[in-house]
C-alpha cells in the first residue's frame, strides 16, 4: 500500500497545483475559486486546499470576500504595471545600493549563484511549469539583494510586492531571457565590487527595461 505524503509535503503540493492553475489561467482572473471542487479534482480533503488558498491570498493571487469565498485576483493592466515598477524603483534601487555596501560574503556568493542558475532555466513557455524555476530564481535574486540591504522594513516591502508572481502570471516573454541575464550580471558585478552607485544605476536600468518589455507585449485583458 502506498503511504500518503506527509502533511507538509501534501500542503506544499496542493499549493503549487492551485498556484499553477491560477498562473496558467485555468482559474480565470476574477473567477470564483471553489474549495470543494478543487479538493475533488486534486483528490484531497478540503483542508490542504484552504491552507493553499490562505497562502495564495498572502501572495496576492486570490482575495477572500466575506460571504463570497475566494476569487482569483485580476491581472495587472498597463497602469498597474507602471505603478508596480514605480514602487520597485523607489524600493529596489535603494536596496541594491545598500546591498553593495552591507552584503556579506555568503550573500554576495548567493547573488552570483542565483544569477548563474537562472542562465540554465527557460524564461518563457506555454505553461507556468515551463518557466516556474526561472521566475522563482528571479524572485529570490531580488529578495536576496533586498535582504542584504540590512533594512528589514525595506526588505519586507520588496517581498510584499510579490512582483514576479504578478509579472509571470501575464506569461513569460519570449526573448526576455538574454537581456534579463545581462542586466542581472551588471548588478552582480556592482555588488561584488561593493559599488553602491553602480548597483543603484544597474537596478534602475534593469527595472526600466523590464517594464518596457512588459508593456511591449499585447495588453492583457481581465
Protein backbone atom coordinates (compact mmCIF):
# COMPACT_ATOMS: atom_id res chain seq x y z
CA UNK A 1 0.00 0.00 0.00
CA UNK A 2 1.34 3.43 -0.98
CA UNK A 3 1.77 5.70 2.01
CA UNK A 4 0.20 9.17 1.74
CA UNK A 5 2.64 12.09 1.67
CA UNK A 6 3.39 13.79 4.99
CA UNK A 7 1.10 16.75 5.80
CA UNK A 8 3.67 19.43 4.94
CA UNK A 9 4.54 17.82 1.64
CA UNK A 10 0.84 17.46 0.80
CA UNK A 11 0.15 21.09 1.70
CA UNK A 12 3.03 22.28 -0.49
CA UNK A 13 1.92 20.05 -3.38
CA UNK A 14 -1.64 21.38 -3.25
CA UNK A 15 -0.38 24.96 -3.01
CA UNK A 16 1.78 24.52 -6.12
CA UNK A 17 -1.04 22.81 -8.01
CA UNK A 18 -3.56 25.57 -7.29
CA UNK A 19 -0.97 28.29 -7.96
CA UNK A 20 -0.18 26.74 -11.36
CA UNK A 21 -3.87 26.79 -12.27
CA UNK A 22 -4.07 30.48 -11.43
CA UNK A 23 -0.83 31.30 -13.24
CA UNK A 24 -1.99 29.38 -16.33
CA UNK A 25 -5.47 30.98 -16.14
CA UNK A 26 -7.15 27.60 -15.76
CA UNK A 27 -8.71 29.52 -12.88
CA UNK A 28 -9.55 32.68 -14.78
CA UNK A 29 -8.73 36.13 -13.37
CA UNK A 30 -11.69 37.26 -11.28
CA UNK A 31 -13.22 33.77 -11.19
CA UNK A 32 -14.52 32.19 -8.02
CA UNK A 33 -12.25 29.51 -6.55
CA UNK A 34 -14.33 26.60 -5.30
CA UNK A 35 -12.72 24.76 -2.40
CA UNK A 36 -14.83 21.62 -2.68
CA UNK A 37 -14.39 21.39 -6.45
CA UNK A 38 -10.62 21.78 -6.18
CA UNK A 39 -10.46 19.18 -3.42
CA UNK A 40 -12.34 16.67 -5.59
CA UNK A 41 -10.21 17.45 -8.61
CA UNK A 42 -6.94 17.10 -6.67
CA UNK A 43 -8.27 14.08 -4.73
CA UNK A 44 -7.51 15.64 -1.36
CA UNK A 45 -9.61 16.83 1.55
CA UNK A 46 -10.71 20.49 1.69
CA UNK A 47 -8.21 21.26 4.47
CA UNK A 48 -4.99 21.50 2.36
CA UNK A 49 -6.95 23.45 -0.27
CA UNK A 50 -7.97 26.00 2.35
CA UNK A 51 -4.36 26.20 3.53
CA UNK A 52 -3.18 26.71 -0.05
CA UNK A 53 -5.70 29.50 -0.62
CA UNK A 54 -4.61 31.26 2.57
CA UNK A 55 -1.02 31.21 1.26
CA UNK A 56 -2.13 32.36 -2.18
CA UNK A 57 -4.05 35.23 -0.58
CA UNK A 58 -0.79 36.31 1.08
CA UNK A 59 0.84 36.05 -2.38
CA UNK A 60 -1.78 38.39 -3.83
CA UNK A 61 -3.12 35.77 -6.26
CA UNK A 62 -6.52 35.32 -4.63
CA UNK A 63 -8.72 37.53 -2.48
CA UNK A 64 -11.25 36.42 0.13
CA UNK A 65 -14.56 38.24 0.33
CA UNK A 66 -16.95 37.94 3.29
CA UNK A 67 -19.79 35.54 2.50
CA UNK A 68 -18.42 35.06 -1.02
CA UNK A 69 -15.30 32.91 -0.62
CA UNK A 70 -12.17 33.22 -2.70
CA UNK A 71 -11.71 34.72 -6.15
CA UNK A 72 -8.61 34.91 -8.31
CA UNK A 73 -7.30 38.48 -8.48
CA UNK A 74 -7.43 40.47 -11.70
CA UNK A 75 -4.41 40.70 -13.97
CA UNK A 76 -2.31 43.83 -13.92
CA UNK A 77 -3.04 46.18 -16.82
CA UNK A 78 -0.62 48.78 -18.21
CA UNK A 79 -1.30 51.32 -15.46
CA UNK A 80 -0.99 48.68 -12.79
CA UNK A 81 2.33 47.59 -14.24
CA UNK A 82 3.63 51.15 -14.29
CA UNK A 83 2.62 51.65 -10.66
CA UNK A 84 4.25 48.36 -9.65
CA UNK A 85 7.52 49.31 -11.33
CA UNK A 86 7.37 52.80 -9.85
CA UNK A 87 7.24 51.17 -6.42
CA UNK A 88 10.05 48.80 -7.38
CA UNK A 89 12.26 51.67 -8.47
CA UNK A 90 11.70 53.51 -5.20
CA UNK A 91 12.50 50.42 -3.14
CA UNK A 92 14.89 48.24 -5.09
CA UNK A 93 17.37 50.85 -6.29
CA UNK A 94 17.96 51.88 -2.69
CA UNK A 95 18.13 48.23 -1.64
CA UNK A 96 20.73 47.46 -4.30
CA UNK A 97 22.91 50.39 -3.24
CA UNK A 98 22.76 49.31 0.40
CA UNK A 99 23.41 45.67 -0.52
CA UNK A 100 26.60 46.71 -2.31
CA UNK A 101 27.80 48.13 1.00
CA UNK A 102 26.45 45.61 3.50
CA UNK A 103 26.24 42.20 1.78
CA UNK A 104 28.46 39.63 3.44
CA UNK A 105 30.50 37.04 1.55
CA UNK A 106 27.73 34.43 1.65
CA UNK A 107 25.16 36.85 0.27
CA UNK A 108 27.48 38.03 -2.48
CA UNK A 109 28.17 34.42 -3.45
CA UNK A 110 24.45 33.61 -3.34
CA UNK A 111 23.52 36.51 -5.63
CA UNK A 112 26.14 35.39 -8.16
CA UNK A 113 24.96 31.77 -7.90
CA UNK A 114 21.29 32.68 -8.40
CA UNK A 115 22.15 34.71 -11.49
CA UNK A 116 24.16 31.80 -12.90
CA UNK A 117 21.37 29.28 -12.21
CA UNK A 118 18.87 31.50 -14.00
CA UNK A 119 21.02 31.11 -17.08
CA UNK A 120 20.29 27.37 -17.00
CA UNK A 121 16.48 27.74 -16.98
CA UNK A 122 13.96 28.70 -19.70
CA UNK A 123 12.35 32.10 -19.15
CA UNK A 124 9.17 31.53 -21.18
CA UNK A 125 6.88 28.79 -22.42
CA UNK A 126 3.27 27.81 -22.96
CA UNK A 127 2.76 26.81 -19.32
CA UNK A 128 3.83 28.19 -15.96
CA UNK A 129 5.66 24.90 -15.31
CA UNK A 130 7.96 25.74 -18.24
CA UNK A 131 9.37 28.89 -16.62
CA UNK A 132 8.47 28.41 -12.96
CA UNK A 133 12.08 27.79 -11.91
CA UNK A 134 13.31 30.90 -13.75
CA UNK A 135 10.61 33.01 -12.07
CA UNK A 136 11.41 31.58 -8.62
CA UNK A 137 15.14 32.21 -9.03
CA UNK A 138 14.42 35.73 -10.29
CA UNK A 139 12.29 36.45 -7.23
CA UNK A 140 14.96 35.03 -4.92
CA UNK A 141 17.67 37.09 -6.63
CA UNK A 142 15.80 40.33 -5.95
CA UNK A 143 14.74 39.29 -2.43
CA UNK A 144 18.34 38.40 -1.56
CA UNK A 145 19.54 41.84 -2.62
CA UNK A 146 16.80 43.44 -0.54
CA UNK A 147 17.68 41.30 2.50
CA UNK A 148 21.37 42.17 2.12
CA UNK A 149 20.47 45.86 2.43
CA UNK A 150 20.27 45.31 6.23
CA UNK A 151 17.00 47.24 6.24
CA UNK A 152 14.31 44.78 7.39
CA UNK A 153 11.37 47.07 6.61
CA UNK A 154 12.73 47.73 3.13
CA UNK A 155 13.26 44.03 2.50
CA UNK A 156 9.74 43.24 3.74
CA UNK A 157 8.25 45.91 1.46
CA UNK A 158 10.06 44.43 -1.56
CA UNK A 159 8.87 40.92 -0.69
CA UNK A 160 5.26 42.02 -0.14
CA UNK A 161 5.00 43.32 -3.71
CA UNK A 162 5.10 39.70 -4.97
CA UNK A 163 6.38 41.23 -8.18
CA UNK A 164 7.40 38.11 -10.03
CA UNK A 165 4.17 36.23 -9.46
CA UNK A 166 2.16 39.13 -10.89
CA UNK A 167 4.50 39.61 -13.84
CA UNK A 168 4.93 35.97 -14.78
CA UNK A 169 1.18 35.47 -14.43
CA UNK A 170 0.99 37.50 -17.63
CA UNK A 171 3.14 34.67 -19.12
CA UNK A 172 6.84 34.60 -19.91
CA UNK A 173 8.10 36.96 -22.60
CA UNK A 174 9.90 35.26 -25.49
CA UNK A 175 13.28 36.91 -25.97
CA UNK A 176 13.42 38.37 -22.46
CA UNK A 177 15.87 35.81 -21.09
CA UNK A 178 19.09 37.16 -22.65
CA UNK A 179 18.63 40.83 -21.69
CA UNK A 180 17.43 39.89 -18.19
CA UNK A 181 20.54 37.81 -17.60
CA UNK A 182 22.79 40.59 -18.90
CA UNK A 183 21.10 43.13 -16.61
CA UNK A 184 21.46 40.81 -13.63
CA UNK A 185 25.13 40.33 -14.49
CA UNK A 186 25.67 44.10 -14.23
CA UNK A 187 24.01 44.05 -10.82
CA UNK A 188 26.15 41.15 -9.65
CA UNK A 189 29.37 42.85 -10.75
CA UNK A 190 28.40 46.05 -8.91
CA UNK A 191 27.63 44.08 -5.73
CA UNK A 192 30.90 42.14 -5.94
CA UNK A 193 32.81 45.40 -6.40
CA UNK A 194 30.93 46.96 -3.49
CA UNK A 195 29.93 49.91 -5.67
CA UNK A 196 26.61 51.33 -4.41
CA UNK A 197 26.27 53.95 -7.16
CA UNK A 198 26.70 51.37 -9.93
CA UNK A 199 24.39 48.93 -8.15
CA UNK A 200 21.61 51.53 -7.96
CA UNK A 201 22.22 52.51 -11.59
CA UNK A 202 22.18 48.88 -12.73
CA UNK A 203 18.95 48.21 -10.86
CA UNK A 204 17.30 51.32 -12.32
CA UNK A 205 18.30 50.30 -15.84
CA UNK A 206 17.07 46.74 -15.26
CA UNK A 207 13.68 47.90 -13.99
CA UNK A 208 13.24 50.41 -16.83
CA UNK A 209 13.99 47.81 -19.48
CA UNK A 210 11.90 45.16 -17.76
CA UNK A 211 8.89 47.48 -17.75
CA UNK A 212 9.46 48.27 -21.41
CA UNK A 213 9.46 44.54 -22.19
CA UNK A 214 6.25 44.06 -20.24
CA UNK A 215 4.47 46.94 -21.96
CA UNK A 216 5.62 45.78 -25.40
CA UNK A 217 3.50 42.63 -25.07
CA UNK A 218 -0.12 42.71 -26.13
CA UNK A 219 -2.08 44.46 -23.39
CA UNK A 220 -3.57 41.84 -21.07
CA UNK A 221 -7.34 41.67 -20.69
CA UNK A 222 -9.11 40.86 -17.45
